[in-house]
Amino acid sequence: MIGFLRGKLLSKNPENLQCVVLAQDVGYELTLHKKLFLNLIPDAEVSLFVHTHMKESVFAFYGFASEEEKQFFRVLLSVSGLGPKSALSLLGEHGAQPLAQLILQKNSAEISRAQGIGKKTAERIVLELKTKVEKLAWLSKIQDNLRHNPESEAPTLSQSLREDLSLALVHLGYQPNQFKQTLDSFCEKEDLGKVSFEAALKRLLADLSGRIAGKHLSN
């Protein structure tokens, strides 16, 4: 099985959220969730954690930004009646850690915002996964926060968008210490609850490019 791929992104197909990654002269076709798909740029080098799925002797590859995200995808697949498409929809709508927090809070209404996820499915996800989610090591900080703040709310749209922008910049080759100050400033002046991911990323990249260019001129 393939667990990780690093290579050049050859193509993207927005109709099925699939991409082709060239690694060691072999092109691998992977399906991604929407947020990750939008973050990737053709011809750039990408690094993806891979889940290999087999059904009726047919292999399919699913790509993820982190090992934690891949493992959470597998946890979602353990829910009765939940397939890869629905699991990707959940990750694309919420993100791994925010979704885990929603499950711990039994917030089935918010979970059902994902495309193709109805009320009954969301309730089944909470019922079947709450205990499993509690055992995931990388969720320790979330669980500690919920124990100390049981009434804490789910991540806001602005918080989720900030996380998506940070992930996108990392995939574009920026280091956190290169963009943190610019991202902080951007989030302070923009109303993230009223701007799309694509528009926010475009403006943020413009701000970041201007800041980097200004540093070069000053030097």
N, C-alpha and C. Protein backbone atom coordinates (compact mmCIF):
# COMPACT_ATOMS: atom_id res chain seq x y z
N MET A 1 0.84 -1.20 0.00
CA MET A 1 0.00 0.00 0.00
C MET A 1 0.87 1.25 0.00
N ILE A 2 0.31 2.33 -0.51
CA ILE A 2 1.01 3.61 -0.53
C ILE A 2 0.53 4.44 0.67
N GLY A 3 1.47 4.94 1.46
CA GLY A 3 1.11 5.73 2.63
C GLY A 3 1.43 7.19 2.52
N PHE A 4 2.37 7.53 1.60
CA PHE A 4 2.80 8.92 1.46
C PHE A 4 3.36 9.12 0.06
N LEU A 5 3.09 10.29 -0.51
CA LEU A 5 3.60 10.64 -1.83
C LEU A 5 4.16 12.06 -1.83
N ARG A 6 5.30 12.23 -2.48
CA ARG A 6 5.83 13.56 -2.72
C ARG A 6 6.20 13.64 -4.20
N GLY A 7 5.67 14.63 -4.89
CA GLY A 7 5.97 14.75 -6.30
C GLY A 7 5.36 16.00 -6.91
N LYS A 8 5.35 16.06 -8.22
CA LYS A 8 4.84 17.22 -8.95
C LYS A 8 3.36 17.04 -9.26
N LEU A 9 2.58 18.08 -9.00
CA LEU A 9 1.15 18.03 -9.30
C LEU A 9 0.95 18.29 -10.79
N LEU A 10 0.55 17.26 -11.52
CA LEU A 10 0.41 17.38 -12.98
C LEU A 10 -0.91 17.99 -13.40
N SER A 11 -1.99 17.60 -12.73
CA SER A 11 -3.31 18.09 -13.16
C SER A 11 -4.32 18.02 -12.02
N LYS A 12 -5.41 18.79 -12.19
CA LYS A 12 -6.52 18.80 -11.24
C LYS A 12 -7.83 18.72 -12.01
N ASN A 13 -8.77 17.97 -11.49
CA ASN A 13 -10.09 17.87 -12.10
C ASN A 13 -11.14 18.32 -11.08
N PRO A 14 -11.66 19.55 -11.24
CA PRO A 14 -12.60 20.09 -10.25
C PRO A 14 -13.94 19.36 -10.21
N GLU A 15 -14.25 18.60 -11.25
CA GLU A 15 -15.54 17.90 -11.29
C GLU A 15 -15.60 16.77 -10.26
N ASN A 16 -14.47 16.10 -10.05
CA ASN A 16 -14.47 14.99 -9.09
C ASN A 16 -13.43 15.16 -7.98
N LEU A 17 -12.82 16.37 -7.92
CA LEU A 17 -11.82 16.69 -6.90
C LEU A 17 -10.64 15.71 -6.91
N GLN A 18 -10.26 15.30 -8.12
CA GLN A 18 -9.12 14.40 -8.27
C GLN A 18 -7.93 15.14 -8.85
N CYS A 19 -6.74 14.65 -8.53
CA CYS A 19 -5.52 15.22 -9.06
C CYS A 19 -4.56 14.09 -9.44
N VAL A 20 -3.57 14.42 -10.25
CA VAL A 20 -2.55 13.44 -10.63
C VAL A 20 -1.21 13.97 -10.14
N VAL A 21 -0.52 13.15 -9.36
CA VAL A 21 0.80 13.50 -8.82
C VAL A 21 1.85 12.60 -9.46
N LEU A 22 2.87 13.22 -10.04
CA LEU A 22 3.97 12.48 -10.66
C LEU A 22 5.07 12.26 -9.64
N ALA A 23 5.32 11.00 -9.29
CA ALA A 23 6.37 10.64 -8.33
C ALA A 23 7.20 9.51 -8.91
N GLN A 24 8.48 9.75 -9.13
CA GLN A 24 9.40 8.75 -9.69
C GLN A 24 8.86 8.18 -11.00
N ASP A 25 8.45 9.09 -11.88
CA ASP A 25 7.99 8.74 -13.23
C ASP A 25 6.68 7.96 -13.27
N VAL A 26 5.95 7.94 -12.17
CA VAL A 26 4.64 7.29 -12.14
C VAL A 26 3.59 8.32 -11.74
N GLY A 27 2.49 8.38 -12.49
CA GLY A 27 1.42 9.32 -12.17
C GLY A 27 0.36 8.66 -11.30
N TYR A 28 0.15 9.19 -10.11
CA TYR A 28 -0.84 8.63 -9.18
C TYR A 28 -2.07 9.53 -9.15
N GLU A 29 -3.24 8.92 -9.33
CA GLU A 29 -4.49 9.67 -9.29
C GLU A 29 -5.08 9.57 -7.88
N LEU A 30 -5.29 10.72 -7.27
CA LEU A 30 -5.81 10.75 -5.91
C LEU A 30 -7.05 11.63 -5.83
N THR A 31 -7.96 11.26 -4.94
CA THR A 31 -9.13 12.08 -4.66
C THR A 31 -8.89 12.82 -3.35
N LEU A 32 -9.24 14.11 -3.33
CA LEU A 32 -9.00 14.96 -2.16
C LEU A 32 -10.31 15.55 -1.65
N HIS A 33 -10.29 16.07 -0.44
CA HIS A 33 -11.46 16.85 -0.01
C HIS A 33 -11.33 18.27 -0.57
N LYS A 34 -12.42 18.99 -0.58
CA LYS A 34 -12.49 20.25 -1.32
C LYS A 34 -11.45 21.28 -0.87
N LYS A 35 -11.28 21.45 0.43
CA LYS A 35 -10.35 22.47 0.92
C LYS A 35 -8.93 22.19 0.45
N LEU A 36 -8.51 20.94 0.56
CA LEU A 36 -7.16 20.58 0.15
C LEU A 36 -7.02 20.72 -1.36
N PHE A 37 -8.03 20.32 -2.10
CA PHE A 37 -8.00 20.42 -3.57
C PHE A 37 -7.79 21.87 -4.01
N LEU A 38 -8.49 22.79 -3.38
CA LEU A 38 -8.38 24.21 -3.75
C LEU A 38 -7.02 24.78 -3.40
N ASN A 39 -6.37 24.21 -2.40
CA ASN A 39 -5.07 24.72 -1.96
C ASN A 39 -3.92 24.37 -2.89
N LEU A 40 -4.06 23.28 -3.64
CA LEU A 40 -2.95 22.79 -4.45
C LEU A 40 -2.86 23.49 -5.79
N ILE A 41 -1.63 23.75 -6.23
CA ILE A 41 -1.38 24.47 -7.48
C ILE A 41 -0.66 23.55 -8.47
N PRO A 42 -1.18 23.42 -9.71
CA PRO A 42 -0.53 22.59 -10.72
C PRO A 42 0.92 22.98 -10.95
N ASP A 43 1.75 21.99 -11.20
CA ASP A 43 3.19 22.12 -11.46
C ASP A 43 4.02 22.35 -10.19
N ALA A 44 3.36 22.53 -9.06
CA ALA A 44 4.10 22.70 -7.80
C ALA A 44 4.37 21.33 -7.17
N GLU A 45 5.39 21.28 -6.32
CA GLU A 45 5.65 20.03 -5.60
C GLU A 45 4.67 19.91 -4.44
N VAL A 46 4.11 18.73 -4.27
CA VAL A 46 3.14 18.51 -3.21
C VAL A 46 3.55 17.30 -2.37
N SER A 47 3.14 17.30 -1.14
CA SER A 47 3.37 16.16 -0.24
C SER A 47 2.02 15.75 0.33
N LEU A 48 1.64 14.50 0.13
CA LEU A 48 0.33 14.04 0.55
C LEU A 48 0.43 12.71 1.29
N PHE A 49 -0.30 12.60 2.39
CA PHE A 49 -0.45 11.33 3.08
C PHE A 49 -1.59 10.59 2.39
N VAL A 50 -1.41 9.31 2.14
CA VAL A 50 -2.32 8.58 1.26
C VAL A 50 -3.01 7.42 1.98
N HIS A 51 -4.32 7.34 1.78
CA HIS A 51 -5.10 6.18 2.20
C HIS A 51 -5.44 5.37 0.96
N THR A 52 -5.10 4.09 0.97
CA THR A 52 -5.41 3.20 -0.15
C THR A 52 -6.69 2.45 0.17
N HIS A 53 -7.70 2.64 -0.66
CA HIS A 53 -9.02 2.05 -0.42
C HIS A 53 -9.31 1.00 -1.49
N MET A 54 -9.74 -0.17 -1.08
CA MET A 54 -10.05 -1.21 -2.04
C MET A 54 -11.51 -1.64 -1.89
N LYS A 55 -12.21 -1.66 -3.02
CA LYS A 55 -13.59 -2.12 -3.04
C LYS A 55 -13.81 -2.91 -4.31
N GLU A 56 -14.25 -4.16 -4.14
CA GLU A 56 -14.49 -5.05 -5.28
C GLU A 56 -13.27 -5.13 -6.19
N SER A 57 -12.10 -5.32 -5.57
CA SER A 57 -10.82 -5.50 -6.28
C SER A 57 -10.35 -4.25 -7.03
N VAL A 58 -10.97 -3.11 -6.76
CA VAL A 58 -10.56 -1.86 -7.40
C VAL A 58 -9.90 -0.97 -6.34
N PHE A 59 -8.70 -0.48 -6.66
CA PHE A 59 -7.97 0.38 -5.73
C PHE A 59 -8.28 1.85 -6.01
N ALA A 60 -8.43 2.63 -4.96
CA ALA A 60 -8.59 4.08 -5.08
C ALA A 60 -7.69 4.73 -4.03
N PHE A 61 -7.09 5.87 -4.40
CA PHE A 61 -6.18 6.57 -3.50
C PHE A 61 -6.80 7.89 -3.06
N TYR A 62 -6.71 8.17 -1.76
CA TYR A 62 -7.22 9.41 -1.19
C TYR A 62 -6.07 10.14 -0.52
N GLY A 63 -5.92 11.44 -0.83
CA GLY A 63 -4.80 12.21 -0.32
C GLY A 63 -5.19 13.17 0.78
N PHE A 64 -4.26 13.38 1.73
CA PHE A 64 -4.53 14.24 2.88
C PHE A 64 -3.31 15.09 3.22
N ALA A 65 -3.56 16.20 3.89
CA ALA A 65 -2.48 17.14 4.21
C ALA A 65 -1.62 16.67 5.37
N SER A 66 -2.14 15.80 6.22
CA SER A 66 -1.40 15.36 7.40
C SER A 66 -1.75 13.92 7.74
N GLU A 67 -0.90 13.30 8.54
CA GLU A 67 -1.16 11.93 9.01
C GLU A 67 -2.41 11.91 9.89
N GLU A 68 -2.60 12.95 10.71
CA GLU A 68 -3.77 13.02 11.58
C GLU A 68 -5.05 13.06 10.76
N GLU A 69 -5.03 13.82 9.68
CA GLU A 69 -6.21 13.93 8.83
C GLU A 69 -6.52 12.58 8.18
N LYS A 70 -5.49 11.88 7.74
CA LYS A 70 -5.68 10.56 7.14
C LYS A 70 -6.28 9.58 8.14
N GLN A 71 -5.73 9.58 9.35
CA GLN A 71 -6.23 8.67 10.38
C GLN A 71 -7.68 8.97 10.75
N PHE A 72 -8.02 10.27 10.76
CA PHE A 72 -9.40 10.63 11.09
C PHE A 72 -10.35 10.21 9.97
N PHE A 73 -9.89 10.27 8.72
CA PHE A 73 -10.66 9.78 7.59
C PHE A 73 -10.99 8.30 7.80
N ARG A 74 -10.02 7.53 8.25
CA ARG A 74 -10.23 6.10 8.50
C ARG A 74 -11.22 5.88 9.64
N VAL A 75 -11.17 6.74 10.63
CA VAL A 75 -12.13 6.64 11.73
C VAL A 75 -13.54 6.88 11.20
N LEU A 76 -13.69 7.87 10.33
CA LEU A 76 -15.00 8.17 9.75
C LEU A 76 -15.53 7.00 8.94
N LEU A 77 -14.64 6.30 8.24
CA LEU A 77 -15.07 5.16 7.43
C LEU A 77 -15.62 4.01 8.27
N SER A 78 -15.33 4.02 9.56
CA SER A 78 -15.83 2.95 10.44
C SER A 78 -17.30 3.13 10.80
N VAL A 79 -17.85 4.30 10.49
CA VAL A 79 -19.28 4.55 10.75
C VAL A 79 -20.11 3.75 9.75
N SER A 80 -21.10 3.04 10.23
CA SER A 80 -21.93 2.22 9.36
C SER A 80 -22.64 3.07 8.31
N GLY A 81 -22.48 2.67 7.05
CA GLY A 81 -23.13 3.37 5.96
C GLY A 81 -22.42 4.61 5.46
N LEU A 82 -21.26 4.93 6.03
CA LEU A 82 -20.53 6.13 5.62
C LEU A 82 -19.36 5.73 4.72
N GLY A 83 -19.39 6.18 3.46
CA GLY A 83 -18.35 5.85 2.51
C GLY A 83 -17.31 6.94 2.36
N PRO A 84 -16.31 6.72 1.51
CA PRO A 84 -15.24 7.70 1.30
C PRO A 84 -15.74 9.07 0.87
N LYS A 85 -16.74 9.12 -0.01
CA LYS A 85 -17.24 10.40 -0.50
C LYS A 85 -17.81 11.24 0.64
N SER A 86 -18.59 10.63 1.50
CA SER A 86 -19.18 11.35 2.63
C SER A 86 -18.11 11.75 3.64
N ALA A 87 -17.13 10.87 3.86
CA ALA A 87 -16.05 11.18 4.80
C ALA A 87 -15.25 12.38 4.31
N LEU A 88 -14.98 12.44 3.00
CA LEU A 88 -14.26 13.58 2.43
C LEU A 88 -15.09 14.85 2.53
N SER A 89 -16.40 14.73 2.33
CA SER A 89 -17.28 15.88 2.45
C SER A 89 -17.23 16.47 3.86
N LEU A 90 -17.19 15.62 4.86
CA LEU A 90 -17.11 16.07 6.25
C LEU A 90 -15.80 16.79 6.53
N LEU A 91 -14.70 16.22 6.04
CA LEU A 91 -13.39 16.85 6.26
C LEU A 91 -13.28 18.15 5.48
N GLY A 92 -13.85 18.18 4.29
CA GLY A 92 -13.80 19.40 3.49
C GLY A 92 -14.62 20.53 4.07
N GLU A 93 -15.70 20.19 4.73
CA GLU A 93 -16.57 21.20 5.32
C GLU A 93 -16.04 21.71 6.66
N HIS A 94 -15.56 20.79 7.49
CA HIS A 94 -15.21 21.16 8.86
C HIS A 94 -13.72 21.16 9.18
N GLY A 95 -12.95 20.26 8.56
CA GLY A 95 -11.57 20.05 9.00
C GLY A 95 -11.54 18.99 10.09
N ALA A 96 -10.42 18.30 10.25
CA ALA A 96 -10.35 17.17 11.18
C ALA A 96 -10.58 17.56 12.64
N GLN A 97 -9.80 18.50 13.15
CA GLN A 97 -9.93 18.84 14.57
C GLN A 97 -11.27 19.52 14.89
N PRO A 98 -11.74 20.48 14.07
CA PRO A 98 -13.06 21.05 14.36
C PRO A 98 -14.17 19.99 14.33
N LEU A 99 -14.09 19.04 13.39
CA LEU A 99 -15.09 17.98 13.32
C LEU A 99 -15.03 17.10 14.55
N ALA A 100 -13.83 16.79 15.00
CA ALA A 100 -13.67 15.98 16.21
C ALA A 100 -14.30 16.69 17.41
N GLN A 101 -14.11 18.00 17.47
CA GLN A 101 -14.69 18.76 18.58
C GLN A 101 -16.21 18.74 18.51
N LEU A 102 -16.76 18.83 17.32
CA LEU A 102 -18.21 18.77 17.16
C LEU A 102 -18.76 17.42 17.62
N ILE A 103 -18.01 16.35 17.32
CA ILE A 103 -18.43 15.02 17.75
C ILE A 103 -18.41 14.91 19.27
N LEU A 104 -17.35 15.42 19.88
CA LEU A 104 -17.25 15.39 21.34
C LEU A 104 -18.36 16.20 21.99
N GLN A 105 -18.79 17.26 21.32
CA GLN A 105 -19.86 18.12 21.85
C GLN A 105 -21.25 17.61 21.47
N LYS A 106 -21.29 16.51 20.69
CA LYS A 106 -22.55 15.93 20.22
C LYS A 106 -23.37 16.93 19.41
N ASN A 107 -22.67 17.75 18.64
CA ASN A 107 -23.31 18.80 17.85
C ASN A 107 -23.66 18.27 16.46
N SER A 108 -24.67 17.42 16.40
CA SER A 108 -25.04 16.79 15.13
C SER A 108 -25.60 17.81 14.14
N ALA A 109 -26.22 18.88 14.63
CA ALA A 109 -26.78 19.90 13.74
C ALA A 109 -25.68 20.56 12.91
N GLU A 110 -24.57 20.90 13.55
CA GLU A 110 -23.45 21.53 12.84
C GLU A 110 -22.76 20.53 11.92
N ILE A 111 -22.63 19.29 12.37
CA ILE A 111 -22.02 18.25 11.55
C ILE A 111 -22.79 18.06 10.25
N SER A 112 -24.11 18.15 10.30
CA SER A 112 -24.95 17.90 9.12
C SER A 112 -24.86 19.01 8.07
N ARG A 113 -24.07 20.07 8.33
CA ARG A 113 -23.89 21.11 7.32
C ARG A 113 -23.11 20.59 6.11
N ALA A 114 -22.36 19.53 6.29
CA ALA A 114 -21.56 18.99 5.18
C ALA A 114 -22.48 18.43 4.10
N GLN A 115 -22.08 18.62 2.86
CA GLN A 115 -22.88 18.15 1.72
C GLN A 115 -23.06 16.63 1.77
N GLY A 116 -24.31 16.19 1.63
CA GLY A 116 -24.60 14.76 1.62
C GLY A 116 -24.75 14.13 2.99
N ILE A 117 -24.66 14.95 4.03
CA ILE A 117 -24.78 14.44 5.41
C ILE A 117 -26.09 14.93 6.02
N GLY A 118 -27.03 14.03 6.19
CA GLY A 118 -28.31 14.39 6.77
C GLY A 118 -28.31 14.32 8.28
N LYS A 119 -29.44 14.67 8.87
CA LYS A 119 -29.55 14.70 10.33
C LYS A 119 -29.30 13.33 10.95
N LYS A 120 -29.90 12.29 10.37
CA LYS A 120 -29.75 10.95 10.94
C LYS A 120 -28.31 10.46 10.83
N THR A 121 -27.67 10.76 9.71
CA THR A 121 -26.27 10.35 9.54
C THR A 121 -25.38 11.07 10.55
N ALA A 122 -25.63 12.36 10.75
CA ALA A 122 -24.85 13.14 11.72
C ALA A 122 -25.02 12.58 13.13
N GLU A 123 -26.24 12.21 13.47
CA GLU A 123 -26.50 11.64 14.80
C GLU A 123 -25.80 10.29 14.95
N ARG A 124 -25.77 9.51 13.85
CA ARG A 124 -25.10 8.21 13.89
C ARG A 124 -23.59 8.39 14.05
N ILE A 125 -23.03 9.42 13.42
CA ILE A 125 -21.60 9.72 13.55
C ILE A 125 -21.25 10.01 15.01
N VAL A 126 -22.07 10.82 15.65
CA VAL A 126 -21.84 11.15 17.07
C VAL A 126 -21.95 9.90 17.93
N LEU A 127 -22.99 9.10 17.68
CA LEU A 127 -23.24 7.90 18.48
C LEU A 127 -22.10 6.89 18.37
N GLU A 128 -21.62 6.67 17.13
CA GLU A 128 -20.63 5.62 16.90
C GLU A 128 -19.19 6.08 17.12
N LEU A 129 -18.94 7.39 17.05
CA LEU A 129 -17.55 7.84 17.08
C LEU A 129 -17.10 8.55 18.35
N LYS A 130 -18.03 8.94 19.20
CA LYS A 130 -17.62 9.73 20.37
C LYS A 130 -16.54 9.02 21.18
N THR A 131 -16.73 7.74 21.46
CA THR A 131 -15.74 6.99 22.25
C THR A 131 -14.43 6.84 21.50
N LYS A 132 -14.50 6.58 20.19
CA LYS A 132 -13.29 6.42 19.39
C LYS A 132 -12.51 7.73 19.32
N VAL A 133 -13.23 8.83 19.15
CA VAL A 133 -12.59 10.14 19.04
C VAL A 133 -11.87 10.49 20.34
N GLU A 134 -12.45 10.12 21.46
CA GLU A 134 -11.84 10.41 22.76
C GLU A 134 -10.49 9.73 22.92
N LYS A 135 -10.25 8.66 22.16
CA LYS A 135 -9.01 7.89 22.28
C LYS A 135 -7.91 8.39 21.35
N LEU A 136 -8.22 9.33 20.46
CA LEU A 136 -7.20 9.84 19.54
C LEU A 136 -6.24 10.76 20.28
N ALA A 137 -4.96 10.42 20.25
CA ALA A 137 -3.96 11.15 21.04
C ALA A 137 -3.88 12.62 20.66
N TRP A 138 -4.00 12.93 19.37
CA TRP A 138 -3.84 14.31 18.94
C TRP A 138 -5.02 15.20 19.33
N LEU A 139 -6.06 14.59 19.95
CA LEU A 139 -7.20 15.40 20.39
C LEU A 139 -7.11 15.77 21.87
N SER A 140 -5.98 15.49 22.50
CA SER A 140 -5.87 15.73 23.94
C SER A 140 -6.12 17.18 24.31
N LYS A 141 -5.61 18.11 23.49
CA LYS A 141 -5.79 19.53 23.79
C LYS A 141 -7.26 19.93 23.69
N ILE A 142 -7.96 19.39 22.69
CA ILE A 142 -9.39 19.68 22.54
C ILE A 142 -10.16 19.15 23.75
N GLN A 143 -9.85 17.93 24.15
CA GLN A 143 -10.56 17.33 25.28
C GLN A 143 -10.30 18.10 26.56
N ASP A 144 -9.06 18.53 26.77
CA ASP A 144 -8.74 19.33 27.95
C ASP A 144 -9.53 20.63 27.95
N ASN A 145 -9.64 21.25 26.79
CA ASN A 145 -10.38 22.51 26.67
C ASN A 145 -11.86 22.30 26.97
N LEU A 146 -12.41 21.19 26.50
CA LEU A 146 -13.82 20.92 26.74
C LEU A 146 -14.09 20.61 28.21
N ARG A 147 -13.13 19.95 28.86
CA ARG A 147 -13.31 19.65 30.29
C ARG A 147 -13.31 20.93 31.12
N HIS A 148 -12.43 21.86 30.75
CA HIS A 148 -12.33 23.11 31.50
C HIS A 148 -13.38 24.14 31.06
N ASN A 149 -13.85 23.99 29.80
CA ASN A 149 -14.85 24.93 29.27
C ASN A 149 -15.96 24.14 28.58
N PRO A 150 -16.79 23.44 29.33
CA PRO A 150 -17.82 22.58 28.74
C PRO A 150 -18.81 23.31 27.86
N GLU A 151 -18.94 24.62 28.02
CA GLU A 151 -19.88 25.37 27.20
C GLU A 151 -19.21 26.03 26.01
N SER A 152 -17.94 25.70 25.77
CA SER A 152 -17.22 26.33 24.66
C SER A 152 -17.90 26.00 23.34
N GLU A 153 -17.88 26.96 22.45
CA GLU A 153 -18.58 26.82 21.18
C GLU A 153 -17.70 26.14 20.15
N ALA A 154 -18.35 25.67 19.08
CA ALA A 154 -17.60 25.10 17.96
C ALA A 154 -16.82 26.21 17.27
N PRO A 155 -15.77 25.87 16.52
CA PRO A 155 -14.99 26.89 15.83
C PRO A 155 -15.87 27.75 14.94
N THR A 156 -15.63 29.05 14.94
CA THR A 156 -16.41 29.95 14.10
C THR A 156 -15.94 29.86 12.67
N LEU A 157 -16.73 30.44 11.76
CA LEU A 157 -16.34 30.46 10.35
C LEU A 157 -15.01 31.15 10.17
N SER A 158 -14.79 32.25 10.91
CA SER A 158 -13.54 32.99 10.76
C SER A 158 -12.36 32.17 11.25
N GLN A 159 -12.54 31.41 12.33
CA GLN A 159 -11.46 30.55 12.83
C GLN A 159 -11.13 29.46 11.82
N SER A 160 -12.16 28.86 11.25
CA SER A 160 -11.94 27.80 10.26
C SER A 160 -11.24 28.35 9.03
N LEU A 161 -11.63 29.55 8.59
CA LEU A 161 -11.01 30.14 7.41
C LEU A 161 -9.55 30.46 7.68
N ARG A 162 -9.25 30.94 8.86
CA ARG A 162 -7.86 31.24 9.20
C ARG A 162 -7.01 29.97 9.12
N GLU A 163 -7.54 28.86 9.66
CA GLU A 163 -6.82 27.59 9.61
C GLU A 163 -6.61 27.14 8.16
N ASP A 164 -7.63 27.33 7.32
CA ASP A 164 -7.52 26.95 5.91
C ASP A 164 -6.47 27.79 5.20
N LEU A 165 -6.42 29.07 5.50
CA LEU A 165 -5.44 29.96 4.87
C LEU A 165 -4.03 29.57 5.29
N SER A 166 -3.86 29.25 6.55
CA SER A 166 -2.54 28.84 7.04
C SER A 166 -2.09 27.56 6.35
N LEU A 167 -3.01 26.60 6.21
CA LEU A 167 -2.70 25.35 5.53
C LEU A 167 -2.34 25.59 4.08
N ALA A 168 -3.08 26.48 3.42
CA ALA A 168 -2.82 26.78 2.01
C ALA A 168 -1.42 27.37 1.83
N LEU A 169 -1.03 28.27 2.70
CA LEU A 169 0.30 28.90 2.58
C LEU A 169 1.41 27.88 2.79
N VAL A 170 1.21 26.95 3.70
CA VAL A 170 2.21 25.90 3.91
C VAL A 170 2.35 25.05 2.66
N HIS A 171 1.22 24.72 2.03
CA HIS A 171 1.26 23.93 0.80
C HIS A 171 1.90 24.70 -0.35
N LEU A 172 1.85 26.01 -0.28
CA LEU A 172 2.47 26.84 -1.33
C LEU A 172 3.95 27.06 -1.07
N GLY A 173 4.46 26.48 0.00
CA GLY A 173 5.90 26.55 0.25
C GLY A 173 6.34 27.56 1.29
N TYR A 174 5.40 28.29 1.89
CA TYR A 174 5.76 29.27 2.92
C TYR A 174 5.93 28.59 4.27
N GLN A 175 6.85 29.10 5.06
CA GLN A 175 7.02 28.64 6.43
C GLN A 175 6.18 29.51 7.36
N PRO A 176 5.66 28.94 8.46
CA PRO A 176 4.82 29.72 9.38
C PRO A 176 5.46 31.03 9.84
N ASN A 177 6.78 31.01 10.07
CA ASN A 177 7.43 32.24 10.52
C ASN A 177 7.50 33.30 9.43
N GLN A 178 7.25 32.89 8.17
CA GLN A 178 7.25 33.84 7.06
C GLN A 178 5.90 34.55 6.91
N PHE A 179 4.83 33.88 7.31
CA PHE A 179 3.51 34.47 7.04
C PHE A 179 2.69 34.80 8.29
N LYS A 180 3.14 34.39 9.48
CA LYS A 180 2.31 34.59 10.68
C LYS A 180 1.94 36.05 10.89
N GLN A 181 2.91 36.95 10.81
CA GLN A 181 2.64 38.37 11.04
C GLN A 181 1.67 38.92 10.01
N THR A 182 1.88 38.54 8.74
CA THR A 182 0.99 39.01 7.67
C THR A 182 -0.41 38.43 7.84
N LEU A 183 -0.50 37.16 8.22
CA LEU A 183 -1.80 36.52 8.42
C LEU A 183 -2.54 37.16 9.60
N ASP A 184 -1.82 37.44 10.68
CA ASP A 184 -2.44 38.10 11.84
C ASP A 184 -3.02 39.45 11.44
N SER A 185 -2.22 40.23 10.71
CA SER A 185 -2.66 41.55 10.28
C SER A 185 -3.85 41.46 9.34
N PHE A 186 -3.81 40.50 8.44
CA PHE A 186 -4.89 40.31 7.46
C PHE A 186 -6.20 39.97 8.18
N CYS A 187 -6.12 39.06 9.15
CA CYS A 187 -7.32 38.63 9.86
C CYS A 187 -7.92 39.74 10.72
N GLU A 188 -7.08 40.66 11.17
CA GLU A 188 -7.57 41.78 11.98
C GLU A 188 -8.35 42.79 11.13
N LYS A 189 -7.90 43.01 9.90
CA LYS A 189 -8.53 44.04 9.08
C LYS A 189 -9.65 43.52 8.18
N GLU A 190 -9.71 42.20 7.98
CA GLU A 190 -10.74 41.61 7.12
C GLU A 190 -11.85 40.98 7.95
N ASP A 191 -13.07 41.03 7.44
CA ASP A 191 -14.19 40.34 8.07
C ASP A 191 -14.25 38.94 7.47
N LEU A 192 -13.59 37.99 8.13
CA LEU A 192 -13.45 36.65 7.56
C LEU A 192 -14.78 35.91 7.45
N GLY A 193 -15.77 36.36 8.19
CA GLY A 193 -17.07 35.71 8.10
C GLY A 193 -17.83 36.06 6.83
N LYS A 194 -17.33 37.06 6.08
CA LYS A 194 -18.04 37.52 4.88
C LYS A 194 -17.22 37.38 3.61
N VAL A 195 -16.09 36.68 3.66
CA VAL A 195 -15.24 36.56 2.49
C VAL A 195 -15.02 35.08 2.18
N SER A 196 -14.98 34.73 0.89
CA SER A 196 -14.76 33.35 0.49
C SER A 196 -13.30 32.97 0.68
N PHE A 197 -13.04 31.68 0.73
CA PHE A 197 -11.66 31.21 0.88
C PHE A 197 -10.81 31.68 -0.29
N GLU A 198 -11.33 31.54 -1.52
CA GLU A 198 -10.55 31.91 -2.70
C GLU A 198 -10.19 33.39 -2.69
N ALA A 199 -11.16 34.25 -2.35
CA ALA A 199 -10.90 35.69 -2.32
C ALA A 199 -9.92 36.05 -1.21
N ALA A 200 -10.08 35.41 -0.06
CA ALA A 200 -9.19 35.69 1.07
C ALA A 200 -7.75 35.28 0.75
N LEU A 201 -7.59 34.11 0.13
CA LEU A 201 -6.24 33.64 -0.20
C LEU A 201 -5.58 34.56 -1.22
N LYS A 202 -6.35 35.02 -2.20
CA LYS A 202 -5.81 35.92 -3.22
C LYS A 202 -5.31 37.22 -2.59
N ARG A 203 -6.11 37.80 -1.69
CA ARG A 203 -5.72 39.06 -1.03
C ARG A 203 -4.52 38.84 -0.11
N LEU A 204 -4.54 37.72 0.60
CA LEU A 204 -3.45 37.42 1.53
C LEU A 204 -2.13 37.23 0.78
N LEU A 205 -2.16 36.55 -0.35
CA LEU A 205 -0.95 36.35 -1.14
C LEU A 205 -0.41 37.67 -1.67
N ALA A 206 -1.33 38.58 -2.03
CA ALA A 206 -0.91 39.90 -2.49
C ALA A 206 -0.22 40.67 -1.36
N ASP A 207 -0.81 40.61 -0.17
CA ASP A 207 -0.20 41.27 1.00
C ASP A 207 1.17 40.67 1.32
N LEU A 208 1.23 39.35 1.26
CA LEU A 208 2.47 38.65 1.59
C LEU A 208 3.56 38.96 0.57
N SER A 209 3.20 38.97 -0.71
CA SER A 209 4.17 39.28 -1.76
C SER A 209 4.70 40.70 -1.60
N GLY A 210 3.80 41.64 -1.28
CA GLY A 210 4.22 43.02 -1.08
C GLY A 210 5.15 43.17 0.10
N ARG A 211 4.86 42.43 1.16
CA ARG A 211 5.71 42.50 2.36
C ARG A 211 7.10 41.94 2.07
N ILE A 212 7.16 40.81 1.36
CA ILE A 212 8.45 40.20 1.04
C ILE A 212 9.25 41.08 0.10
N ALA A 213 8.55 41.68 -0.90
CA ALA A 213 9.23 42.58 -1.84
C ALA A 213 9.78 43.80 -1.11
N GLY A 214 9.01 44.31 -0.14
CA GLY A 214 9.46 45.46 0.63
C GLY A 214 10.70 45.15 1.44
N LYS A 215 10.78 43.94 1.96
CA LYS A 215 11.97 43.54 2.72
C LYS A 215 13.21 43.51 1.83
N HIS A 216 13.03 42.98 0.60
CA HIS A 216 14.16 42.91 -0.32
C HIS A 216 14.66 44.30 -0.69
N LEU A 217 13.71 45.24 -0.89
CA LEU A 217 14.09 46.61 -1.26
C LEU A 217 14.83 47.29 -0.12
N SER A 218 14.38 47.03 1.11
CA SER A 218 15.02 47.67 2.26
C SER A 218 16.42 47.14 2.50
N ASN A 219 16.65 45.91 2.02
CA ASN A 219 17.98 45.32 2.16
C ASN A 219 18.92 45.76 1.04
